[in-house]
N, C-alpha and C. Protein backbone atom coordinates (compact mmCIF):
# COMPACT_ATOMS: atom_id res chain seq x y z
N MET A 1 55.46 -38.13 -1.68
CA MET A 1 54.45 -38.98 -1.09
C MET A 1 54.77 -39.23 0.38
N ASN A 2 56.00 -39.50 0.66
CA ASN A 2 56.45 -39.76 2.01
C ASN A 2 56.18 -38.55 2.91
N LEU A 3 56.40 -37.36 2.38
CA LEU A 3 56.16 -36.13 3.14
C LEU A 3 54.67 -35.94 3.43
N GLN A 4 53.81 -36.28 2.47
CA GLN A 4 52.37 -36.17 2.67
C GLN A 4 51.89 -37.10 3.78
N ILE A 5 52.41 -38.31 3.81
CA ILE A 5 52.05 -39.27 4.85
C ILE A 5 52.48 -38.75 6.22
N GLN A 6 53.67 -38.19 6.27
CA GLN A 6 54.16 -37.64 7.54
C GLN A 6 53.29 -36.48 8.01
N LEU A 7 52.87 -35.61 7.08
CA LEU A 7 52.00 -34.48 7.45
C LEU A 7 50.63 -34.96 7.94
N VAL A 8 50.08 -35.98 7.29
CA VAL A 8 48.79 -36.53 7.72
C VAL A 8 48.92 -37.13 9.11
N LEU A 9 49.99 -37.88 9.34
CA LEU A 9 50.22 -38.48 10.66
C LEU A 9 50.40 -37.41 11.73
N LEU A 10 51.13 -36.36 11.40
CA LEU A 10 51.32 -35.26 12.34
C LEU A 10 49.99 -34.58 12.66
N ALA A 11 49.16 -34.36 11.64
CA ALA A 11 47.85 -33.74 11.85
C ALA A 11 46.97 -34.62 12.73
N LEU A 12 47.01 -35.94 12.51
CA LEU A 12 46.23 -36.86 13.34
C LEU A 12 46.71 -36.83 14.80
N CYS A 13 48.02 -36.77 14.99
CA CYS A 13 48.57 -36.71 16.35
C CYS A 13 48.15 -35.42 17.05
N LEU A 14 48.21 -34.30 16.33
CA LEU A 14 47.80 -33.02 16.91
C LEU A 14 46.31 -33.01 17.26
N ALA A 15 45.50 -33.57 16.38
CA ALA A 15 44.06 -33.62 16.65
C ALA A 15 43.77 -34.49 17.87
N SER A 16 44.47 -35.59 17.97
CA SER A 16 44.31 -36.49 19.12
C SER A 16 44.73 -35.79 20.42
N ALA A 17 45.85 -35.08 20.38
CA ALA A 17 46.33 -34.36 21.56
C ALA A 17 45.34 -33.27 21.96
N LEU A 18 44.76 -32.60 20.97
CA LEU A 18 43.78 -31.55 21.26
C LEU A 18 42.53 -32.14 21.92
N LYS A 19 42.07 -33.30 21.44
CA LYS A 19 40.91 -33.95 22.05
C LYS A 19 41.19 -34.33 23.50
N ILE A 20 42.37 -34.87 23.76
CA ILE A 20 42.74 -35.26 25.12
C ILE A 20 42.78 -34.04 26.03
N THR A 21 43.36 -32.94 25.54
CA THR A 21 43.42 -31.71 26.32
C THR A 21 42.02 -31.20 26.63
N MET A 22 41.14 -31.23 25.65
CA MET A 22 39.76 -30.77 25.87
C MET A 22 39.05 -31.66 26.88
N LYS A 23 39.25 -32.96 26.81
CA LYS A 23 38.62 -33.87 27.77
C LYS A 23 39.12 -33.60 29.18
N LEU A 24 40.42 -33.39 29.32
CA LEU A 24 40.98 -33.10 30.64
C LEU A 24 40.41 -31.80 31.19
N HIS A 25 40.26 -30.80 30.34
CA HIS A 25 39.68 -29.52 30.78
C HIS A 25 38.24 -29.73 31.25
N ASN A 26 37.46 -30.51 30.50
CA ASN A 26 36.07 -30.77 30.89
C ASN A 26 35.99 -31.55 32.20
N ILE A 27 36.87 -32.51 32.40
CA ILE A 27 36.90 -33.26 33.65
C ILE A 27 37.24 -32.34 34.81
N LYS A 28 38.22 -31.47 34.61
CA LYS A 28 38.60 -30.53 35.67
C LYS A 28 37.44 -29.61 36.00
N TYR A 29 36.75 -29.10 34.99
CA TYR A 29 35.61 -28.20 35.21
C TYR A 29 34.49 -28.94 35.95
N TRP A 30 34.19 -30.17 35.53
CA TRP A 30 33.15 -30.96 36.17
C TRP A 30 33.50 -31.24 37.63
N ALA A 31 34.76 -31.55 37.90
CA ALA A 31 35.18 -31.83 39.27
C ALA A 31 35.02 -30.59 40.15
N GLN A 32 35.34 -29.41 39.63
CA GLN A 32 35.18 -28.19 40.41
C GLN A 32 33.70 -27.93 40.71
N ALA A 33 32.85 -28.11 39.72
CA ALA A 33 31.42 -27.89 39.92
C ALA A 33 30.85 -28.90 40.90
N ASN A 34 31.28 -30.16 40.80
CA ASN A 34 30.79 -31.20 41.69
C ASN A 34 31.25 -30.95 43.12
N ALA A 35 32.47 -30.49 43.28
CA ALA A 35 32.97 -30.18 44.62
C ALA A 35 32.17 -29.05 45.24
N ALA A 36 31.80 -28.08 44.44
CA ALA A 36 31.02 -26.95 44.95
C ALA A 36 29.64 -27.41 45.40
N SER A 37 29.03 -28.34 44.66
CA SER A 37 27.69 -28.77 45.03
C SER A 37 27.71 -29.67 46.26
N GLY A 38 28.87 -30.17 46.65
CA GLY A 38 29.00 -30.98 47.85
C GLY A 38 29.37 -30.14 49.06
N MET A 39 29.02 -28.88 49.04
CA MET A 39 29.34 -27.93 50.09
C MET A 39 28.79 -28.42 51.43
N ALA A 40 29.60 -28.30 52.47
CA ALA A 40 29.15 -28.69 53.82
C ALA A 40 28.21 -27.63 54.38
N VAL A 41 27.34 -28.05 55.28
CA VAL A 41 26.42 -27.13 55.95
C VAL A 41 26.72 -27.20 57.45
N HIS A 42 27.09 -26.08 58.03
CA HIS A 42 27.41 -26.03 59.45
C HIS A 42 26.15 -26.35 60.27
N ASP A 43 26.33 -27.09 61.35
CA ASP A 43 25.19 -27.49 62.20
C ASP A 43 24.41 -26.30 62.73
N ASP A 44 25.08 -25.18 62.95
CA ASP A 44 24.42 -23.98 63.46
C ASP A 44 23.33 -23.48 62.51
N CYS A 45 23.52 -23.70 61.20
CA CYS A 45 22.51 -23.29 60.22
C CYS A 45 21.20 -24.03 60.48
N LYS A 46 21.29 -25.34 60.66
CA LYS A 46 20.08 -26.14 60.89
C LYS A 46 19.44 -25.80 62.24
N LEU A 47 20.27 -25.61 63.26
CA LEU A 47 19.77 -25.27 64.59
C LEU A 47 19.02 -23.94 64.57
N ARG A 48 19.62 -22.91 63.98
CA ARG A 48 18.98 -21.59 63.93
C ARG A 48 17.70 -21.63 63.09
N PHE A 49 17.72 -22.42 62.02
CA PHE A 49 16.50 -22.54 61.20
C PHE A 49 15.37 -23.18 62.01
N GLN A 50 15.70 -24.23 62.77
CA GLN A 50 14.68 -24.87 63.62
C GLN A 50 14.12 -23.88 64.64
N GLU A 51 14.99 -23.03 65.18
CA GLU A 51 14.53 -22.02 66.14
C GLU A 51 13.62 -20.99 65.46
N LEU A 52 13.92 -20.63 64.23
CA LEU A 52 13.06 -19.71 63.48
C LEU A 52 11.71 -20.37 63.22
N LYS A 53 11.75 -21.62 62.82
CA LYS A 53 10.53 -22.32 62.41
C LYS A 53 9.63 -22.67 63.60
N SER A 54 10.19 -23.23 64.65
CA SER A 54 9.34 -23.72 65.74
C SER A 54 9.14 -22.71 66.87
N LYS A 55 10.19 -21.99 67.23
CA LYS A 55 10.08 -21.06 68.35
C LYS A 55 9.85 -19.62 67.91
N ARG A 56 10.02 -19.38 66.61
CA ARG A 56 9.91 -18.03 66.05
C ARG A 56 10.88 -17.07 66.73
N SER A 57 12.08 -17.58 66.99
CA SER A 57 13.12 -16.80 67.67
C SER A 57 13.71 -15.71 66.79
N TYR A 58 13.57 -15.86 65.48
CA TYR A 58 14.15 -14.90 64.54
C TYR A 58 13.12 -14.57 63.47
N ARG A 59 13.22 -13.39 62.89
CA ARG A 59 12.39 -13.02 61.75
C ARG A 59 13.03 -13.54 60.47
N PHE A 60 14.38 -13.48 60.43
CA PHE A 60 15.09 -13.95 59.24
C PHE A 60 16.49 -14.41 59.61
N ILE A 61 17.08 -15.18 58.69
CA ILE A 61 18.46 -15.63 58.83
C ILE A 61 19.13 -15.47 57.47
N LEU A 62 20.30 -14.86 57.45
CA LEU A 62 21.13 -14.80 56.24
C LEU A 62 22.25 -15.81 56.40
N PHE A 63 22.55 -16.52 55.31
CA PHE A 63 23.62 -17.51 55.30
C PHE A 63 24.62 -17.13 54.22
N LYS A 64 25.89 -17.48 54.45
CA LYS A 64 26.90 -17.27 53.42
C LYS A 64 27.79 -18.51 53.35
N ILE A 65 28.51 -18.62 52.25
CA ILE A 65 29.46 -19.72 52.09
C ILE A 65 30.83 -19.18 52.46
N GLU A 66 31.45 -19.87 53.39
CA GLU A 66 32.75 -19.45 53.92
C GLU A 66 33.59 -20.69 54.15
N GLN A 67 34.75 -20.75 53.57
CA GLN A 67 35.68 -21.87 53.73
C GLN A 67 35.00 -23.21 53.45
N GLN A 68 34.37 -23.32 52.30
CA GLN A 68 33.74 -24.54 51.81
C GLN A 68 32.56 -25.04 52.64
N GLN A 69 31.93 -24.15 53.41
CA GLN A 69 30.72 -24.56 54.11
C GLN A 69 29.75 -23.39 54.25
N VAL A 70 28.47 -23.72 54.36
CA VAL A 70 27.44 -22.70 54.56
C VAL A 70 27.38 -22.41 56.06
N VAL A 71 27.44 -21.12 56.41
CA VAL A 71 27.41 -20.69 57.81
C VAL A 71 26.38 -19.57 57.98
N VAL A 72 25.98 -19.34 59.23
CA VAL A 72 25.06 -18.24 59.53
C VAL A 72 25.82 -16.93 59.41
N ASP A 73 25.24 -15.98 58.68
CA ASP A 73 25.84 -14.66 58.50
C ASP A 73 25.19 -13.62 59.40
N LYS A 74 23.85 -13.65 59.49
CA LYS A 74 23.14 -12.66 60.30
C LYS A 74 21.81 -13.24 60.76
N LEU A 75 21.46 -12.91 62.00
CA LEU A 75 20.17 -13.30 62.57
C LEU A 75 19.32 -12.05 62.76
N GLY A 76 18.11 -12.07 62.26
CA GLY A 76 17.20 -10.93 62.41
C GLY A 76 16.26 -11.17 63.58
N GLU A 77 16.22 -10.25 64.49
CA GLU A 77 15.34 -10.37 65.66
C GLU A 77 13.87 -10.38 65.24
N PRO A 78 12.99 -10.98 66.06
CA PRO A 78 11.57 -11.12 65.69
C PRO A 78 10.87 -9.81 65.33
N MET A 79 11.29 -8.71 65.90
CA MET A 79 10.61 -7.43 65.65
C MET A 79 11.18 -6.66 64.45
N GLU A 80 12.21 -7.19 63.80
CA GLU A 80 12.79 -6.49 62.65
C GLU A 80 11.83 -6.52 61.47
N SER A 81 11.88 -5.47 60.67
CA SER A 81 10.95 -5.32 59.54
C SER A 81 11.53 -5.94 58.27
N TYR A 82 10.68 -5.96 57.24
CA TYR A 82 11.15 -6.44 55.94
C TYR A 82 12.21 -5.50 55.37
N ASP A 83 12.10 -4.23 55.66
CA ASP A 83 13.13 -3.27 55.22
C ASP A 83 14.48 -3.57 55.87
N ASP A 84 14.46 -3.95 57.16
CA ASP A 84 15.69 -4.35 57.84
C ASP A 84 16.31 -5.57 57.17
N PHE A 85 15.44 -6.51 56.81
CA PHE A 85 15.88 -7.72 56.11
C PHE A 85 16.54 -7.36 54.78
N MET A 86 15.88 -6.53 53.99
CA MET A 86 16.41 -6.14 52.68
C MET A 86 17.75 -5.41 52.82
N ALA A 87 17.90 -4.60 53.86
CA ALA A 87 19.13 -3.84 54.07
C ALA A 87 20.29 -4.74 54.49
N SER A 88 20.00 -5.96 54.90
CA SER A 88 21.05 -6.89 55.35
C SER A 88 21.84 -7.53 54.22
N PHE A 89 21.31 -7.49 53.01
CA PHE A 89 21.97 -8.14 51.88
C PHE A 89 23.11 -7.27 51.34
N PRO A 90 24.29 -7.87 51.14
CA PRO A 90 25.37 -7.10 50.51
C PRO A 90 25.04 -6.85 49.03
N THR A 91 25.53 -5.76 48.50
CA THR A 91 25.21 -5.42 47.11
C THR A 91 26.05 -6.18 46.10
N ASP A 92 27.18 -6.73 46.54
CA ASP A 92 28.09 -7.37 45.58
C ASP A 92 28.49 -8.79 45.96
N GLU A 93 27.73 -9.42 46.85
CA GLU A 93 28.01 -10.81 47.24
C GLU A 93 26.71 -11.60 47.30
N CYS A 94 26.81 -12.89 46.99
CA CYS A 94 25.65 -13.77 47.04
C CYS A 94 25.35 -14.16 48.48
N ARG A 95 24.11 -14.51 48.73
CA ARG A 95 23.67 -15.00 50.03
C ARG A 95 22.46 -15.90 49.84
N TYR A 96 22.24 -16.77 50.83
CA TYR A 96 20.98 -17.46 50.98
C TYR A 96 20.29 -16.81 52.17
N ALA A 97 18.97 -16.86 52.19
CA ALA A 97 18.24 -16.31 53.34
C ALA A 97 16.94 -17.06 53.52
N VAL A 98 16.47 -17.07 54.76
CA VAL A 98 15.11 -17.53 55.05
C VAL A 98 14.41 -16.38 55.78
N TYR A 99 13.13 -16.22 55.47
CA TYR A 99 12.35 -15.13 56.07
C TYR A 99 11.00 -15.69 56.50
N ASP A 100 10.64 -15.46 57.74
CA ASP A 100 9.35 -15.89 58.29
C ASP A 100 8.36 -14.76 58.06
N PHE A 101 7.52 -14.92 57.04
CA PHE A 101 6.61 -13.85 56.61
C PHE A 101 5.21 -14.06 57.18
N ASP A 102 4.75 -13.10 57.98
CA ASP A 102 3.39 -13.11 58.53
C ASP A 102 2.48 -12.31 57.62
N PHE A 103 1.27 -12.82 57.40
CA PHE A 103 0.31 -12.11 56.55
C PHE A 103 -1.11 -12.49 56.95
N THR A 104 -2.05 -11.73 56.45
CA THR A 104 -3.47 -11.99 56.69
C THR A 104 -4.13 -12.34 55.37
N THR A 105 -4.86 -13.45 55.35
CA THR A 105 -5.53 -13.89 54.13
C THR A 105 -6.78 -13.04 53.87
N GLU A 106 -7.40 -13.26 52.71
CA GLU A 106 -8.63 -12.55 52.37
C GLU A 106 -9.77 -12.90 53.34
N GLU A 107 -9.67 -14.08 53.97
CA GLU A 107 -10.68 -14.52 54.94
C GLU A 107 -10.36 -13.99 56.34
N ASN A 108 -9.39 -13.08 56.42
CA ASN A 108 -8.97 -12.46 57.68
C ASN A 108 -8.33 -13.46 58.66
N CYS A 109 -7.60 -14.44 58.12
CA CYS A 109 -6.88 -15.42 58.95
C CYS A 109 -5.40 -15.05 59.00
N GLN A 110 -4.81 -15.13 60.17
CA GLN A 110 -3.37 -14.89 60.33
C GLN A 110 -2.62 -16.14 59.88
N LYS A 111 -1.65 -15.97 58.99
CA LYS A 111 -0.84 -17.07 58.47
C LYS A 111 0.62 -16.66 58.46
N SER A 112 1.45 -17.67 58.27
CA SER A 112 2.89 -17.44 58.18
C SER A 112 3.46 -18.42 57.16
N LYS A 113 4.40 -17.95 56.36
CA LYS A 113 5.10 -18.82 55.41
C LYS A 113 6.59 -18.53 55.50
N ILE A 114 7.37 -19.59 55.37
CA ILE A 114 8.83 -19.44 55.39
C ILE A 114 9.33 -19.39 53.95
N PHE A 115 9.97 -18.28 53.62
CA PHE A 115 10.53 -18.06 52.29
C PHE A 115 12.01 -18.39 52.29
N PHE A 116 12.47 -19.02 51.22
CA PHE A 116 13.90 -19.22 50.97
C PHE A 116 14.26 -18.29 49.83
N ILE A 117 15.28 -17.47 50.04
CA ILE A 117 15.70 -16.52 49.01
C ILE A 117 17.15 -16.78 48.64
N ALA A 118 17.38 -16.98 47.35
CA ALA A 118 18.73 -17.13 46.82
C ALA A 118 19.10 -15.79 46.17
N TRP A 119 19.98 -15.05 46.82
CA TRP A 119 20.39 -13.71 46.39
C TRP A 119 21.68 -13.83 45.61
N SER A 120 21.64 -13.45 44.34
CA SER A 120 22.80 -13.52 43.47
C SER A 120 22.86 -12.25 42.61
N PRO A 121 23.35 -11.15 43.19
CA PRO A 121 23.32 -9.88 42.45
C PRO A 121 24.22 -9.90 41.22
N ASP A 122 23.84 -9.13 40.23
CA ASP A 122 24.63 -9.05 38.99
C ASP A 122 26.05 -8.57 39.25
N THR A 123 26.26 -7.83 40.32
CA THR A 123 27.58 -7.27 40.62
C THR A 123 28.51 -8.25 41.34
N SER A 124 28.01 -9.43 41.70
CA SER A 124 28.89 -10.40 42.38
C SER A 124 29.76 -11.13 41.35
N ARG A 125 30.84 -11.71 41.83
CA ARG A 125 31.78 -12.40 40.95
C ARG A 125 31.13 -13.66 40.34
N VAL A 126 31.53 -13.98 39.12
CA VAL A 126 30.96 -15.12 38.40
C VAL A 126 31.19 -16.41 39.17
N ARG A 127 32.40 -16.60 39.68
CA ARG A 127 32.70 -17.83 40.42
C ARG A 127 31.79 -17.95 41.65
N MET A 128 31.58 -16.85 42.35
CA MET A 128 30.71 -16.87 43.53
C MET A 128 29.29 -17.28 43.13
N LYS A 129 28.80 -16.72 42.03
CA LYS A 129 27.46 -17.07 41.55
C LYS A 129 27.36 -18.56 41.24
N MET A 130 28.41 -19.10 40.62
CA MET A 130 28.41 -20.52 40.28
C MET A 130 28.39 -21.39 41.53
N VAL A 131 29.19 -21.05 42.52
CA VAL A 131 29.25 -21.83 43.76
C VAL A 131 27.90 -21.80 44.46
N TYR A 132 27.31 -20.63 44.58
CA TYR A 132 26.01 -20.52 45.26
C TYR A 132 24.92 -21.27 44.48
N ALA A 133 24.92 -21.14 43.16
CA ALA A 133 23.90 -21.81 42.35
C ALA A 133 24.02 -23.33 42.45
N SER A 134 25.25 -23.85 42.45
CA SER A 134 25.43 -25.30 42.48
C SER A 134 25.22 -25.89 43.87
N SER A 135 25.25 -25.07 44.90
CA SER A 135 25.07 -25.56 46.28
C SER A 135 23.65 -25.35 46.80
N LYS A 136 22.86 -24.58 46.10
CA LYS A 136 21.54 -24.15 46.61
C LYS A 136 20.62 -25.31 46.94
N ASP A 137 20.44 -26.24 46.02
CA ASP A 137 19.47 -27.32 46.24
C ASP A 137 19.86 -28.20 47.42
N ARG A 138 21.13 -28.51 47.53
CA ARG A 138 21.58 -29.33 48.65
C ARG A 138 21.34 -28.60 49.97
N PHE A 139 21.66 -27.33 50.02
CA PHE A 139 21.46 -26.56 51.25
C PHE A 139 19.98 -26.48 51.59
N LYS A 140 19.15 -26.23 50.59
CA LYS A 140 17.71 -26.12 50.82
C LYS A 140 17.12 -27.41 51.38
N ARG A 141 17.66 -28.55 50.95
CA ARG A 141 17.19 -29.84 51.48
C ARG A 141 17.47 -29.99 52.97
N GLU A 142 18.50 -29.32 53.45
CA GLU A 142 18.84 -29.38 54.88
C GLU A 142 17.84 -28.59 55.73
N LEU A 143 17.11 -27.69 55.11
CA LEU A 143 16.17 -26.83 55.84
C LEU A 143 14.74 -27.31 55.57
N ASP A 144 14.29 -28.23 56.38
CA ASP A 144 12.96 -28.81 56.20
C ASP A 144 11.89 -27.83 56.66
N GLY A 145 11.01 -27.44 55.75
CA GLY A 145 9.94 -26.52 56.11
C GLY A 145 9.88 -25.28 55.25
N ILE A 146 10.71 -25.21 54.22
CA ILE A 146 10.66 -24.08 53.28
C ILE A 146 9.37 -24.20 52.48
N GLN A 147 8.63 -23.10 52.37
CA GLN A 147 7.36 -23.15 51.66
C GLN A 147 7.37 -22.43 50.32
N VAL A 148 8.20 -21.40 50.20
CA VAL A 148 8.26 -20.62 48.96
C VAL A 148 9.72 -20.29 48.68
N GLU A 149 10.11 -20.36 47.40
CA GLU A 149 11.48 -20.00 47.02
C GLU A 149 11.45 -18.81 46.07
N ILE A 150 12.39 -17.91 46.28
CA ILE A 150 12.57 -16.76 45.38
C ILE A 150 14.04 -16.69 44.99
N GLN A 151 14.28 -16.53 43.69
CA GLN A 151 15.63 -16.31 43.16
C GLN A 151 15.70 -14.85 42.77
N ALA A 152 16.65 -14.10 43.33
CA ALA A 152 16.71 -12.67 43.07
C ALA A 152 18.11 -12.23 42.67
N THR A 153 18.18 -11.38 41.65
CA THR A 153 19.44 -10.77 41.23
C THR A 153 19.42 -9.26 41.46
N ASP A 154 18.25 -8.77 41.83
CA ASP A 154 18.02 -7.34 42.03
C ASP A 154 17.01 -7.19 43.18
N PRO A 155 17.14 -6.17 44.02
CA PRO A 155 16.21 -6.02 45.14
C PRO A 155 14.73 -6.01 44.73
N SER A 156 14.43 -5.51 43.55
CA SER A 156 13.03 -5.45 43.11
C SER A 156 12.42 -6.85 42.93
N GLU A 157 13.27 -7.85 42.71
CA GLU A 157 12.78 -9.22 42.52
C GLU A 157 12.40 -9.91 43.83
N MET A 158 12.69 -9.25 44.95
CA MET A 158 12.28 -9.80 46.25
C MET A 158 11.64 -8.70 47.11
N SER A 159 10.98 -7.78 46.45
CA SER A 159 10.32 -6.68 47.16
C SER A 159 9.17 -7.23 48.01
N LEU A 160 8.70 -6.41 48.93
CA LEU A 160 7.61 -6.82 49.81
C LEU A 160 6.36 -7.17 49.00
N ASP A 161 6.10 -6.45 47.92
CA ASP A 161 4.94 -6.75 47.07
C ASP A 161 5.07 -8.13 46.43
N ILE A 162 6.27 -8.49 45.99
CA ILE A 162 6.51 -9.81 45.40
C ILE A 162 6.27 -10.88 46.45
N VAL A 163 6.81 -10.69 47.64
CA VAL A 163 6.65 -11.67 48.72
C VAL A 163 5.18 -11.82 49.09
N LYS A 164 4.46 -10.72 49.22
CA LYS A 164 3.02 -10.78 49.53
C LYS A 164 2.27 -11.57 48.45
N GLY A 165 2.59 -11.29 47.21
CA GLY A 165 1.94 -11.99 46.10
C GLY A 165 2.22 -13.48 46.10
N ARG A 166 3.43 -13.86 46.42
CA ARG A 166 3.80 -15.28 46.46
C ARG A 166 3.23 -15.99 47.68
N ALA A 167 2.97 -15.26 48.75
CA ALA A 167 2.45 -15.86 49.99
C ALA A 167 0.99 -16.26 49.84
N LEU A 168 0.23 -15.50 49.08
CA LEU A 168 -1.22 -15.76 48.97
C LEU A 168 -1.55 -16.87 48.02
């Protein structure tokens, strides 16, 4: 009887220790995810976006996360094409991008819409995808004037036809 009581007590202690370990793991995971979503945004990102939006100084801007902050990766000149924009994305790394898309409506009116694209290719690392996904909304809030958002894991998901369809 004494041995049975000792075994029950030992089992209870082990179960309690396992619960504590699991809680600590969950807290650590939550803290990492929360830290990622608190990513800093470099002032140059906001400045360049304002120049794209108001002065039309750029056709597009690519952003990347580097050393715990979002920074400008590439600026597309006003005369660059959508193909140039598509060629700017790395095949195995995530990026954010904004694109100033000009189009003509069915009523023959010239219009422009600013697209936000979250690029997360299947070939990128899982941790990178998590960091970009958890930081996206906060970064997007810093860019006042985004009109359309596209989430893409493959170039076909942000093709010119898709963009045209979303613009109208």
